[in-house]
Amino acid sequence: MKKLLLLFVISCFTLTQLVAQESTFNKGDKVLNLGIGFGSAWYTGSGFKAQIPPVSASFEVGVVDNILEKGSIGVGGYFGYSSYKYSYSGYNGGWKYTNLFVGARGNFHYPLVDKLDTYVGLTLGFNVVSDKAWGDYSGTSYGSYGGLRTAEFIGARYYFTDKLAAMIELGYGIAYLNIGVALKF
């Protein structure tokens, strides 16, 4: 993932002289992302099934402009939720896991194509996991636990209007791929 992020940043720097686009994210802009995730970064394997697919919301405010001529930096908050069930093949029972990921995130935006807000970012937050056993495993739950987590990602928002965009993010967080809508205020 770090190599992918590095490649994205280098591509942004390389294309600085080749692309002359207007910035789509500037100081003072406020954007709300609402997404649904695909592919779990935390629950993989044949016994896991999504009960509630990963959903996320993030809010970002532009705080610095004119980085490398057209780039900008935004900061904000992040909320993610997912629920997975694990069961052993041939047994009646297993565990249900629920994740709540809350954090702060920062993004570096650099325009590459007209109407497309491309960015790379990092989220630092706290992940709360709760599990509940069901069926044959009813007495073996761990309860709630959690810890600090990071999530690295690259993303893009394509603006259909000045205020409405389609959003996609690829990275390591509550899901590998998040798609959704973005609303600019």
C-alpha atoms as a PDB file:
ATOM      1  CA  MET A   1       0.000   0.000   0.000  1.00  0.00           C
ATOM      2  CA  LYS A   2       2.851   2.403   0.791  1.00  0.00           C
ATOM      3  CA  LYS A   3       4.300   1.817  -2.690  1.00  0.00           C
ATOM      4  CA  LEU A   4       0.908   2.624  -4.222  1.00  0.00           C
ATOM      5  CA  LEU A   5       0.665   5.878  -2.278  1.00  0.00           C
ATOM      6  CA  LEU A   6       4.225   6.827  -3.205  1.00  0.00           C
ATOM      7  CA  LEU A   7       3.492   6.115  -6.877  1.00  0.00           C
ATOM      8  CA  PHE A   8       0.408   8.357  -6.700  1.00  0.00           C
ATOM      9  CA  VAL A   9       2.349  11.253  -5.144  1.00  0.00           C
ATOM     10  CA  ILE A  10       5.196  10.936  -7.672  1.00  0.00           C
ATOM     11  CA  SER A  11       2.652  10.878 -10.509  1.00  0.00           C
ATOM     12  CA  CYS A  12       1.111  14.086  -9.183  1.00  0.00           C
ATOM     13  CA  PHE A  13       4.504  15.822  -9.127  1.00  0.00           C
ATOM     14  CA  THR A  14       5.458  14.536 -12.578  1.00  0.00           C
ATOM     15  CA  LEU A  15       2.245  15.698 -14.198  1.00  0.00           C
ATOM     16  CA  THR A  16       2.515  19.213 -12.747  1.00  0.00           C
ATOM     17  CA  GLN A  17       3.941  20.653 -15.967  1.00  0.00           C
ATOM     18  CA  LEU A  18       1.836  18.497 -18.308  1.00  0.00           C
ATOM     19  CA  VAL A  19      -1.630  19.304 -16.971  1.00  0.00           C
ATOM     20  CA  ALA A  20      -3.029  22.788 -16.509  1.00  0.00           C
ATOM     21  CA  GLN A  21      -6.278  22.185 -14.602  1.00  0.00           C
ATOM     22  CA  GLU A  22      -8.261  24.281 -12.179  1.00  0.00           C
ATOM     23  CA  SER A  23      -8.192  23.110  -8.597  1.00  0.00           C
ATOM     24  CA  THR A  24     -11.440  21.422  -7.524  1.00  0.00           C
ATOM     25  CA  PHE A  25     -10.690  21.549  -3.785  1.00  0.00           C
ATOM     26  CA  ASN A  26      -9.549  24.807  -2.188  1.00  0.00           C
ATOM     27  CA  LYS A  27      -9.022  26.446   1.178  1.00  0.00           C
ATOM     28  CA  GLY A  28     -12.411  26.939   2.830  1.00  0.00           C
ATOM     29  CA  ASP A  29     -14.200  24.204   0.860  1.00  0.00           C
ATOM     30  CA  LYS A  30     -16.271  21.796   2.953  1.00  0.00           C
ATOM     31  CA  VAL A  31     -17.013  18.317   1.578  1.00  0.00           C
ATOM     32  CA  LEU A  32     -19.073  15.439   3.013  1.00  0.00           C
ATOM     33  CA  ASN A  33     -18.318  11.935   1.643  1.00  0.00           C
ATOM     34  CA  LEU A  34     -20.842   9.110   2.099  1.00  0.00           C
ATOM     35  CA  GLY A  35     -19.650   5.675   0.996  1.00  0.00           C
ATOM     36  CA  ILE A  36     -20.214   1.953   0.966  1.00  0.00           C
ATOM     37  CA  GLY A  37     -17.253  -0.398   1.097  1.00  0.00           C
ATOM     38  CA  PHE A  38     -16.265  -3.570  -0.696  1.00  0.00           C
ATOM     39  CA  GLY A  39     -13.613  -6.022   0.480  1.00  0.00           C
ATOM     40  CA  SER A  40     -12.755  -6.170   4.144  1.00  0.00           C
ATOM     41  CA  ALA A  41      -9.312  -5.203   5.261  1.00  0.00           C
ATOM     42  CA  TRP A  42      -9.932  -6.793   8.660  1.00  0.00           C
ATOM     43  CA  TYR A  43     -12.138  -9.853   8.068  1.00  0.00           C
ATOM     44  CA  THR A  44     -10.918 -12.251   5.435  1.00  0.00           C
ATOM     45  CA  GLY A  45     -11.188 -15.975   4.997  1.00  0.00           C
ATOM     46  CA  SER A  46     -13.772 -18.524   4.044  1.00  0.00           C
ATOM     47  CA  GLY A  47     -15.761 -18.369   7.280  1.00  0.00           C
ATOM     48  CA  PHE A  48     -16.532 -14.617   7.201  1.00  0.00           C
ATOM     49  CA  LYS A  49     -19.714 -13.125   5.741  1.00  0.00           C
ATOM     50  CA  ALA A  50     -20.685  -9.462   5.785  1.00  0.00           C
ATOM     51  CA  GLN A  51     -23.828  -8.803   7.811  1.00  0.00           C
ATOM     52  CA  ILE A  52     -23.773  -5.055   7.178  1.00  0.00           C
ATOM     53  CA  PRO A  53     -21.325  -3.961   4.480  1.00  0.00           C
ATOM     54  CA  PRO A  54     -18.797  -1.328   5.496  1.00  0.00           C
ATOM     55  CA  VAL A  55     -20.341   2.148   5.425  1.00  0.00           C
ATOM     56  CA  SER A  56     -18.470   5.378   5.991  1.00  0.00           C
ATOM     57  CA  ALA A  57     -18.885   9.115   6.286  1.00  0.00           C
ATOM     58  CA  SER A  58     -16.148  11.721   6.304  1.00  0.00           C
ATOM     59  CA  PHE A  59     -16.150  15.487   6.457  1.00  0.00           C
ATOM     60  CA  GLU A  60     -13.252  17.572   5.182  1.00  0.00           C
ATOM     61  CA  VAL A  61     -12.367  21.265   5.229  1.00  0.00           C
ATOM     62  CA  GLY A  62      -9.727  22.825   2.982  1.00  0.00           C
ATOM     63  CA  VAL A  63      -7.072  24.509   5.148  1.00  0.00           C
ATOM     64  CA  VAL A  64      -4.080  25.282   2.869  1.00  0.00           C
ATOM     65  CA  ASP A  65      -3.862  26.265  -0.821  1.00  0.00           C
ATOM     66  CA  ASN A  66      -1.106  26.680  -3.411  1.00  0.00           C
ATOM     67  CA  ILE A  67       0.999  23.662  -2.518  1.00  0.00           C
ATOM     68  CA  LEU A  68       3.047  22.873  -5.649  1.00  0.00           C
ATOM     69  CA  GLU A  69       1.067  25.589  -7.475  1.00  0.00           C
ATOM     70  CA  LYS A  70      -2.386  23.921  -7.562  1.00  0.00           C
ATOM     71  CA  GLY A  71      -2.377  21.506  -4.626  1.00  0.00           C
ATOM     72  CA  SER A  72      -4.245  21.856  -1.352  1.00  0.00           C
ATOM     73  CA  ILE A  73      -4.554  20.206   2.027  1.00  0.00           C
ATOM     74  CA  GLY A  74      -7.781  19.278   3.770  1.00  0.00           C
ATOM     75  CA  VAL A  75      -8.447  17.928   7.257  1.00  0.00           C
ATOM     76  CA  GLY A  76     -11.512  16.477   8.898  1.00  0.00           C
ATOM     77  CA  GLY A  77     -13.188  13.581  10.628  1.00  0.00           C
ATOM     78  CA  TYR A  78     -14.057  10.012   9.667  1.00  0.00           C
ATOM     79  CA  PHE A  79     -16.676   7.499  10.803  1.00  0.00           C
ATOM     80  CA  GLY A  80     -16.859   3.895   9.583  1.00  0.00           C
ATOM     81  CA  TYR A  81     -19.031   0.925  10.567  1.00  0.00           C
ATOM     82  CA  SER A  82     -19.130  -2.732   9.548  1.00  0.00           C
ATOM     83  CA  SER A  83     -20.522  -6.007  10.822  1.00  0.00           C
ATOM     84  CA  TYR A  84     -19.329  -9.535   9.975  1.00  0.00           C
ATOM     85  CA  LYS A  85     -20.348 -13.010  11.009  1.00  0.00           C
ATOM     86  CA  TYR A  86     -17.918 -15.909  11.301  1.00  0.00           C
ATOM     87  CA  SER A  87     -19.017 -19.539  11.349  1.00  0.00           C
ATOM     88  CA  TYR A  88     -17.194 -22.832  11.211  1.00  0.00           C
ATOM     89  CA  SER A  89     -18.149 -25.124   8.382  1.00  0.00           C
ATOM     90  CA  GLY A  90     -20.308 -27.963   9.662  1.00  0.00           C
ATOM     91  CA  TYR A  91     -20.990 -26.351  13.081  1.00  0.00           C
ATOM     92  CA  ASN A  92     -24.001 -24.470  14.347  1.00  0.00           C
ATOM     93  CA  GLY A  93     -22.444 -21.331  15.715  1.00  0.00           C
ATOM     94  CA  GLY A  94     -19.689 -18.800  15.524  1.00  0.00           C
ATOM     95  CA  TRP A  95     -19.108 -15.108  16.262  1.00  0.00           C
ATOM     96  CA  LYS A  96     -20.532 -11.806  15.101  1.00  0.00           C
ATOM     97  CA  TYR A  97     -18.026  -8.938  14.930  1.00  0.00           C
ATOM     98  CA  THR A  98     -18.962  -5.258  14.827  1.00  0.00           C
ATOM     99  CA  ASN A  99     -16.443  -2.526  14.026  1.00  0.00           C
ATOM    100  CA  LEU A 100     -16.748   1.162  14.736  1.00  0.00           C
ATOM    101  CA  PHE A 101     -13.833   3.225  13.395  1.00  0.00           C
ATOM    102  CA  VAL A 102     -13.680   6.930  14.330  1.00  0.00           C
ATOM    103  CA  GLY A 103     -10.758   9.178  13.484  1.00  0.00           C
ATOM    104  CA  ALA A 104      -9.179  12.277  12.030  1.00  0.00           C
ATOM    105  CA  ARG A 105      -7.900  12.368   8.489  1.00  0.00           C
ATOM    106  CA  GLY A 106      -5.786  14.576   6.291  1.00  0.00           C
ATOM    107  CA  ASN A 107      -5.678  14.694   2.497  1.00  0.00           C
ATOM    108  CA  PHE A 108      -3.343  16.178  -0.089  1.00  0.00           C
ATOM    109  CA  HIS A 109      -5.331  17.206  -3.201  1.00  0.00           C
ATOM    110  CA  TYR A 110      -3.859  17.782  -6.616  1.00  0.00           C
ATOM    111  CA  PRO A 111      -5.938  18.296  -9.792  1.00  0.00           C
ATOM    112  CA  LEU A 112      -5.035  16.044 -12.721  1.00  0.00           C
ATOM    113  CA  VAL A 113      -8.183  16.219 -14.878  1.00  0.00           C
ATOM    114  CA  ASP A 114     -10.910  18.859 -15.170  1.00  0.00           C
ATOM    115  CA  LYS A 115     -13.781  18.251 -12.682  1.00  0.00           C
ATOM    116  CA  LEU A 116     -11.777  15.474 -10.982  1.00  0.00           C
ATOM    117  CA  ASP A 117     -10.517  16.030  -7.425  1.00  0.00           C
ATOM    118  CA  THR A 118      -7.663  13.538  -6.916  1.00  0.00           C
ATOM    119  CA  TYR A 119      -6.109  13.078  -3.492  1.00  0.00           C
ATOM    120  CA  VAL A 120      -4.021  10.887  -1.225  1.00  0.00           C
ATOM    121  CA  GLY A 121      -4.654  10.695   2.502  1.00  0.00           C
ATOM    122  CA  LEU A 122      -4.147   9.208   5.929  1.00  0.00           C
ATOM    123  CA  THR A 123      -6.624   8.541   8.732  1.00  0.00           C
ATOM    124  CA  LEU A 124      -5.572   8.090  12.345  1.00  0.00           C
ATOM    125  CA  GLY A 125      -8.310   6.825  14.593  1.00  0.00           C
ATOM    126  CA  PHE A 126      -9.621   4.418  17.160  1.00  0.00           C
ATOM    127  CA  ASN A 127     -11.230   1.129  16.189  1.00  0.00           C
ATOM    128  CA  VAL A 128     -13.748  -0.382  18.619  1.00  0.00           C
ATOM    129  CA  VAL A 129     -14.522  -4.054  18.030  1.00  0.00           C
ATOM    130  CA  SER A 130     -17.229  -5.995  19.785  1.00  0.00           C
ATOM    131  CA  ASP A 131     -17.935  -9.665  19.340  1.00  0.00           C
ATOM    132  CA  LYS A 132     -20.813 -11.839  20.316  1.00  0.00           C
ATOM    133  CA  ALA A 133     -20.854 -15.616  20.117  1.00  0.00           C
ATOM    134  CA  TRP A 134     -23.909 -17.387  18.751  1.00  0.00           C
ATOM    135  CA  GLY A 135     -25.118 -20.993  18.543  1.00  0.00           C
ATOM    136  CA  ASP A 136     -22.732 -23.643  19.892  1.00  0.00           C
ATOM    137  CA  TYR A 137     -20.222 -20.947  20.980  1.00  0.00           C
ATOM    138  CA  SER A 138     -22.620 -18.831  23.098  1.00  0.00           C
ATOM    139  CA  GLY A 139     -20.409 -18.610  26.175  1.00  0.00           C
ATOM    140  CA  THR A 140     -17.119 -17.578  24.544  1.00  0.00           C
ATOM    141  CA  SER A 141     -17.452 -13.890  23.662  1.00  0.00           C
ATOM    142  CA  TYR A 142     -14.673 -11.406  24.359  1.00  0.00           C
ATOM    143  CA  GLY A 143     -16.929  -8.336  24.633  1.00  0.00           C
ATOM    144  CA  SER A 144     -15.543  -5.036  23.405  1.00  0.00           C
ATOM    145  CA  TYR A 145     -11.936  -4.112  22.737  1.00  0.00           C
ATOM    146  CA  GLY A 146     -10.094  -1.751  20.427  1.00  0.00           C
ATOM    147  CA  GLY A 147      -7.023   0.237  19.640  1.00  0.00           C
ATOM    148  CA  LEU A 148      -5.393   2.847  17.470  1.00  0.00           C
ATOM    149  CA  ARG A 149      -5.543   2.252  13.723  1.00  0.00           C
ATOM    150  CA  THR A 150      -4.327   4.009  10.604  1.00  0.00           C
ATOM    151  CA  ALA A 151      -5.870   3.925   7.167  1.00  0.00           C
ATOM    152  CA  GLU A 152      -3.962   4.987   4.058  1.00  0.00           C
ATOM    153  CA  PHE A 153      -5.827   5.662   0.811  1.00  0.00           C
ATOM    154  CA  ILE A 154      -5.959   7.329  -2.576  1.00  0.00           C
ATOM    155  CA  GLY A 155      -9.173   8.810  -3.834  1.00  0.00           C
ATOM    156  CA  ALA A 156     -10.999  10.815  -6.426  1.00  0.00           C
ATOM    157  CA  ARG A 157     -14.213  12.805  -6.643  1.00  0.00           C
ATOM    158  CA  TYR A 158     -15.727  13.556 -10.040  1.00  0.00           C
ATOM    159  CA  TYR A 159     -17.974  16.623  -9.912  1.00  0.00           C
ATOM    160  CA  PHE A 160     -21.159  16.457 -11.989  1.00  0.00           C
ATOM    161  CA  THR A 161     -22.151  19.886 -10.664  1.00  0.00           C
ATOM    162  CA  ASP A 162     -20.385  22.430  -8.442  1.00  0.00           C
ATOM    163  CA  LYS A 163     -21.864  20.710  -5.359  1.00  0.00           C
ATOM    164  CA  LEU A 164     -22.358  17.004  -6.254  1.00  0.00           C
ATOM    165  CA  ALA A 165     -19.678  14.396  -7.029  1.00  0.00           C
ATOM    166  CA  ALA A 166     -19.185  10.653  -7.315  1.00  0.00           C
ATOM    167  CA  MET A 167     -16.491   9.472  -4.886  1.00  0.00           C
ATOM    168  CA  ILE A 168     -14.113   6.494  -4.925  1.00  0.00           C
ATOM    169  CA  GLU A 169     -11.332   5.621  -2.465  1.00  0.00           C
ATOM    170  CA  LEU A 170      -8.908   2.725  -2.604  1.00  0.00           C
ATOM    171  CA  GLY A 171      -6.782   1.790   0.374  1.00  0.00           C
ATOM    172  CA  TYR A 172      -6.530   0.095   3.710  1.00  0.00           C
ATOM    173  CA  GLY A 173      -9.224   0.958   6.220  1.00  0.00           C
ATOM    174  CA  ILE A 174     -12.701  -0.305   6.985  1.00  0.00           C
ATOM    175  CA  ALA A 175     -12.785  -1.574   3.358  1.00  0.00           C
ATOM    176  CA  TYR A 176     -10.365  -1.842   0.458  1.00  0.00           C
ATOM    177  CA  LEU A 177     -12.695   0.008  -1.916  1.00  0.00           C
ATOM    178  CA  ASN A 178     -15.235   2.696  -0.998  1.00  0.00           C
ATOM    179  CA  ILE A 179     -17.627   4.232  -3.492  1.00  0.00           C
ATOM    180  CA  GLY A 180     -20.298   6.811  -2.918  1.00  0.00           C
ATOM    181  CA  VAL A 181     -21.272  10.458  -3.238  1.00  0.00           C
ATOM    182  CA  ALA A 182     -19.658  13.693  -2.119  1.00  0.00           C
ATOM    183  CA  LEU A 183     -21.486  16.911  -1.313  1.00  0.00           C
ATOM    184  CA  LYS A 184     -19.636  20.238  -1.331  1.00  0.00           C
ATOM    185  CA  PHE A 185     -20.930  23.031   0.916  1.00  0.00           C
END
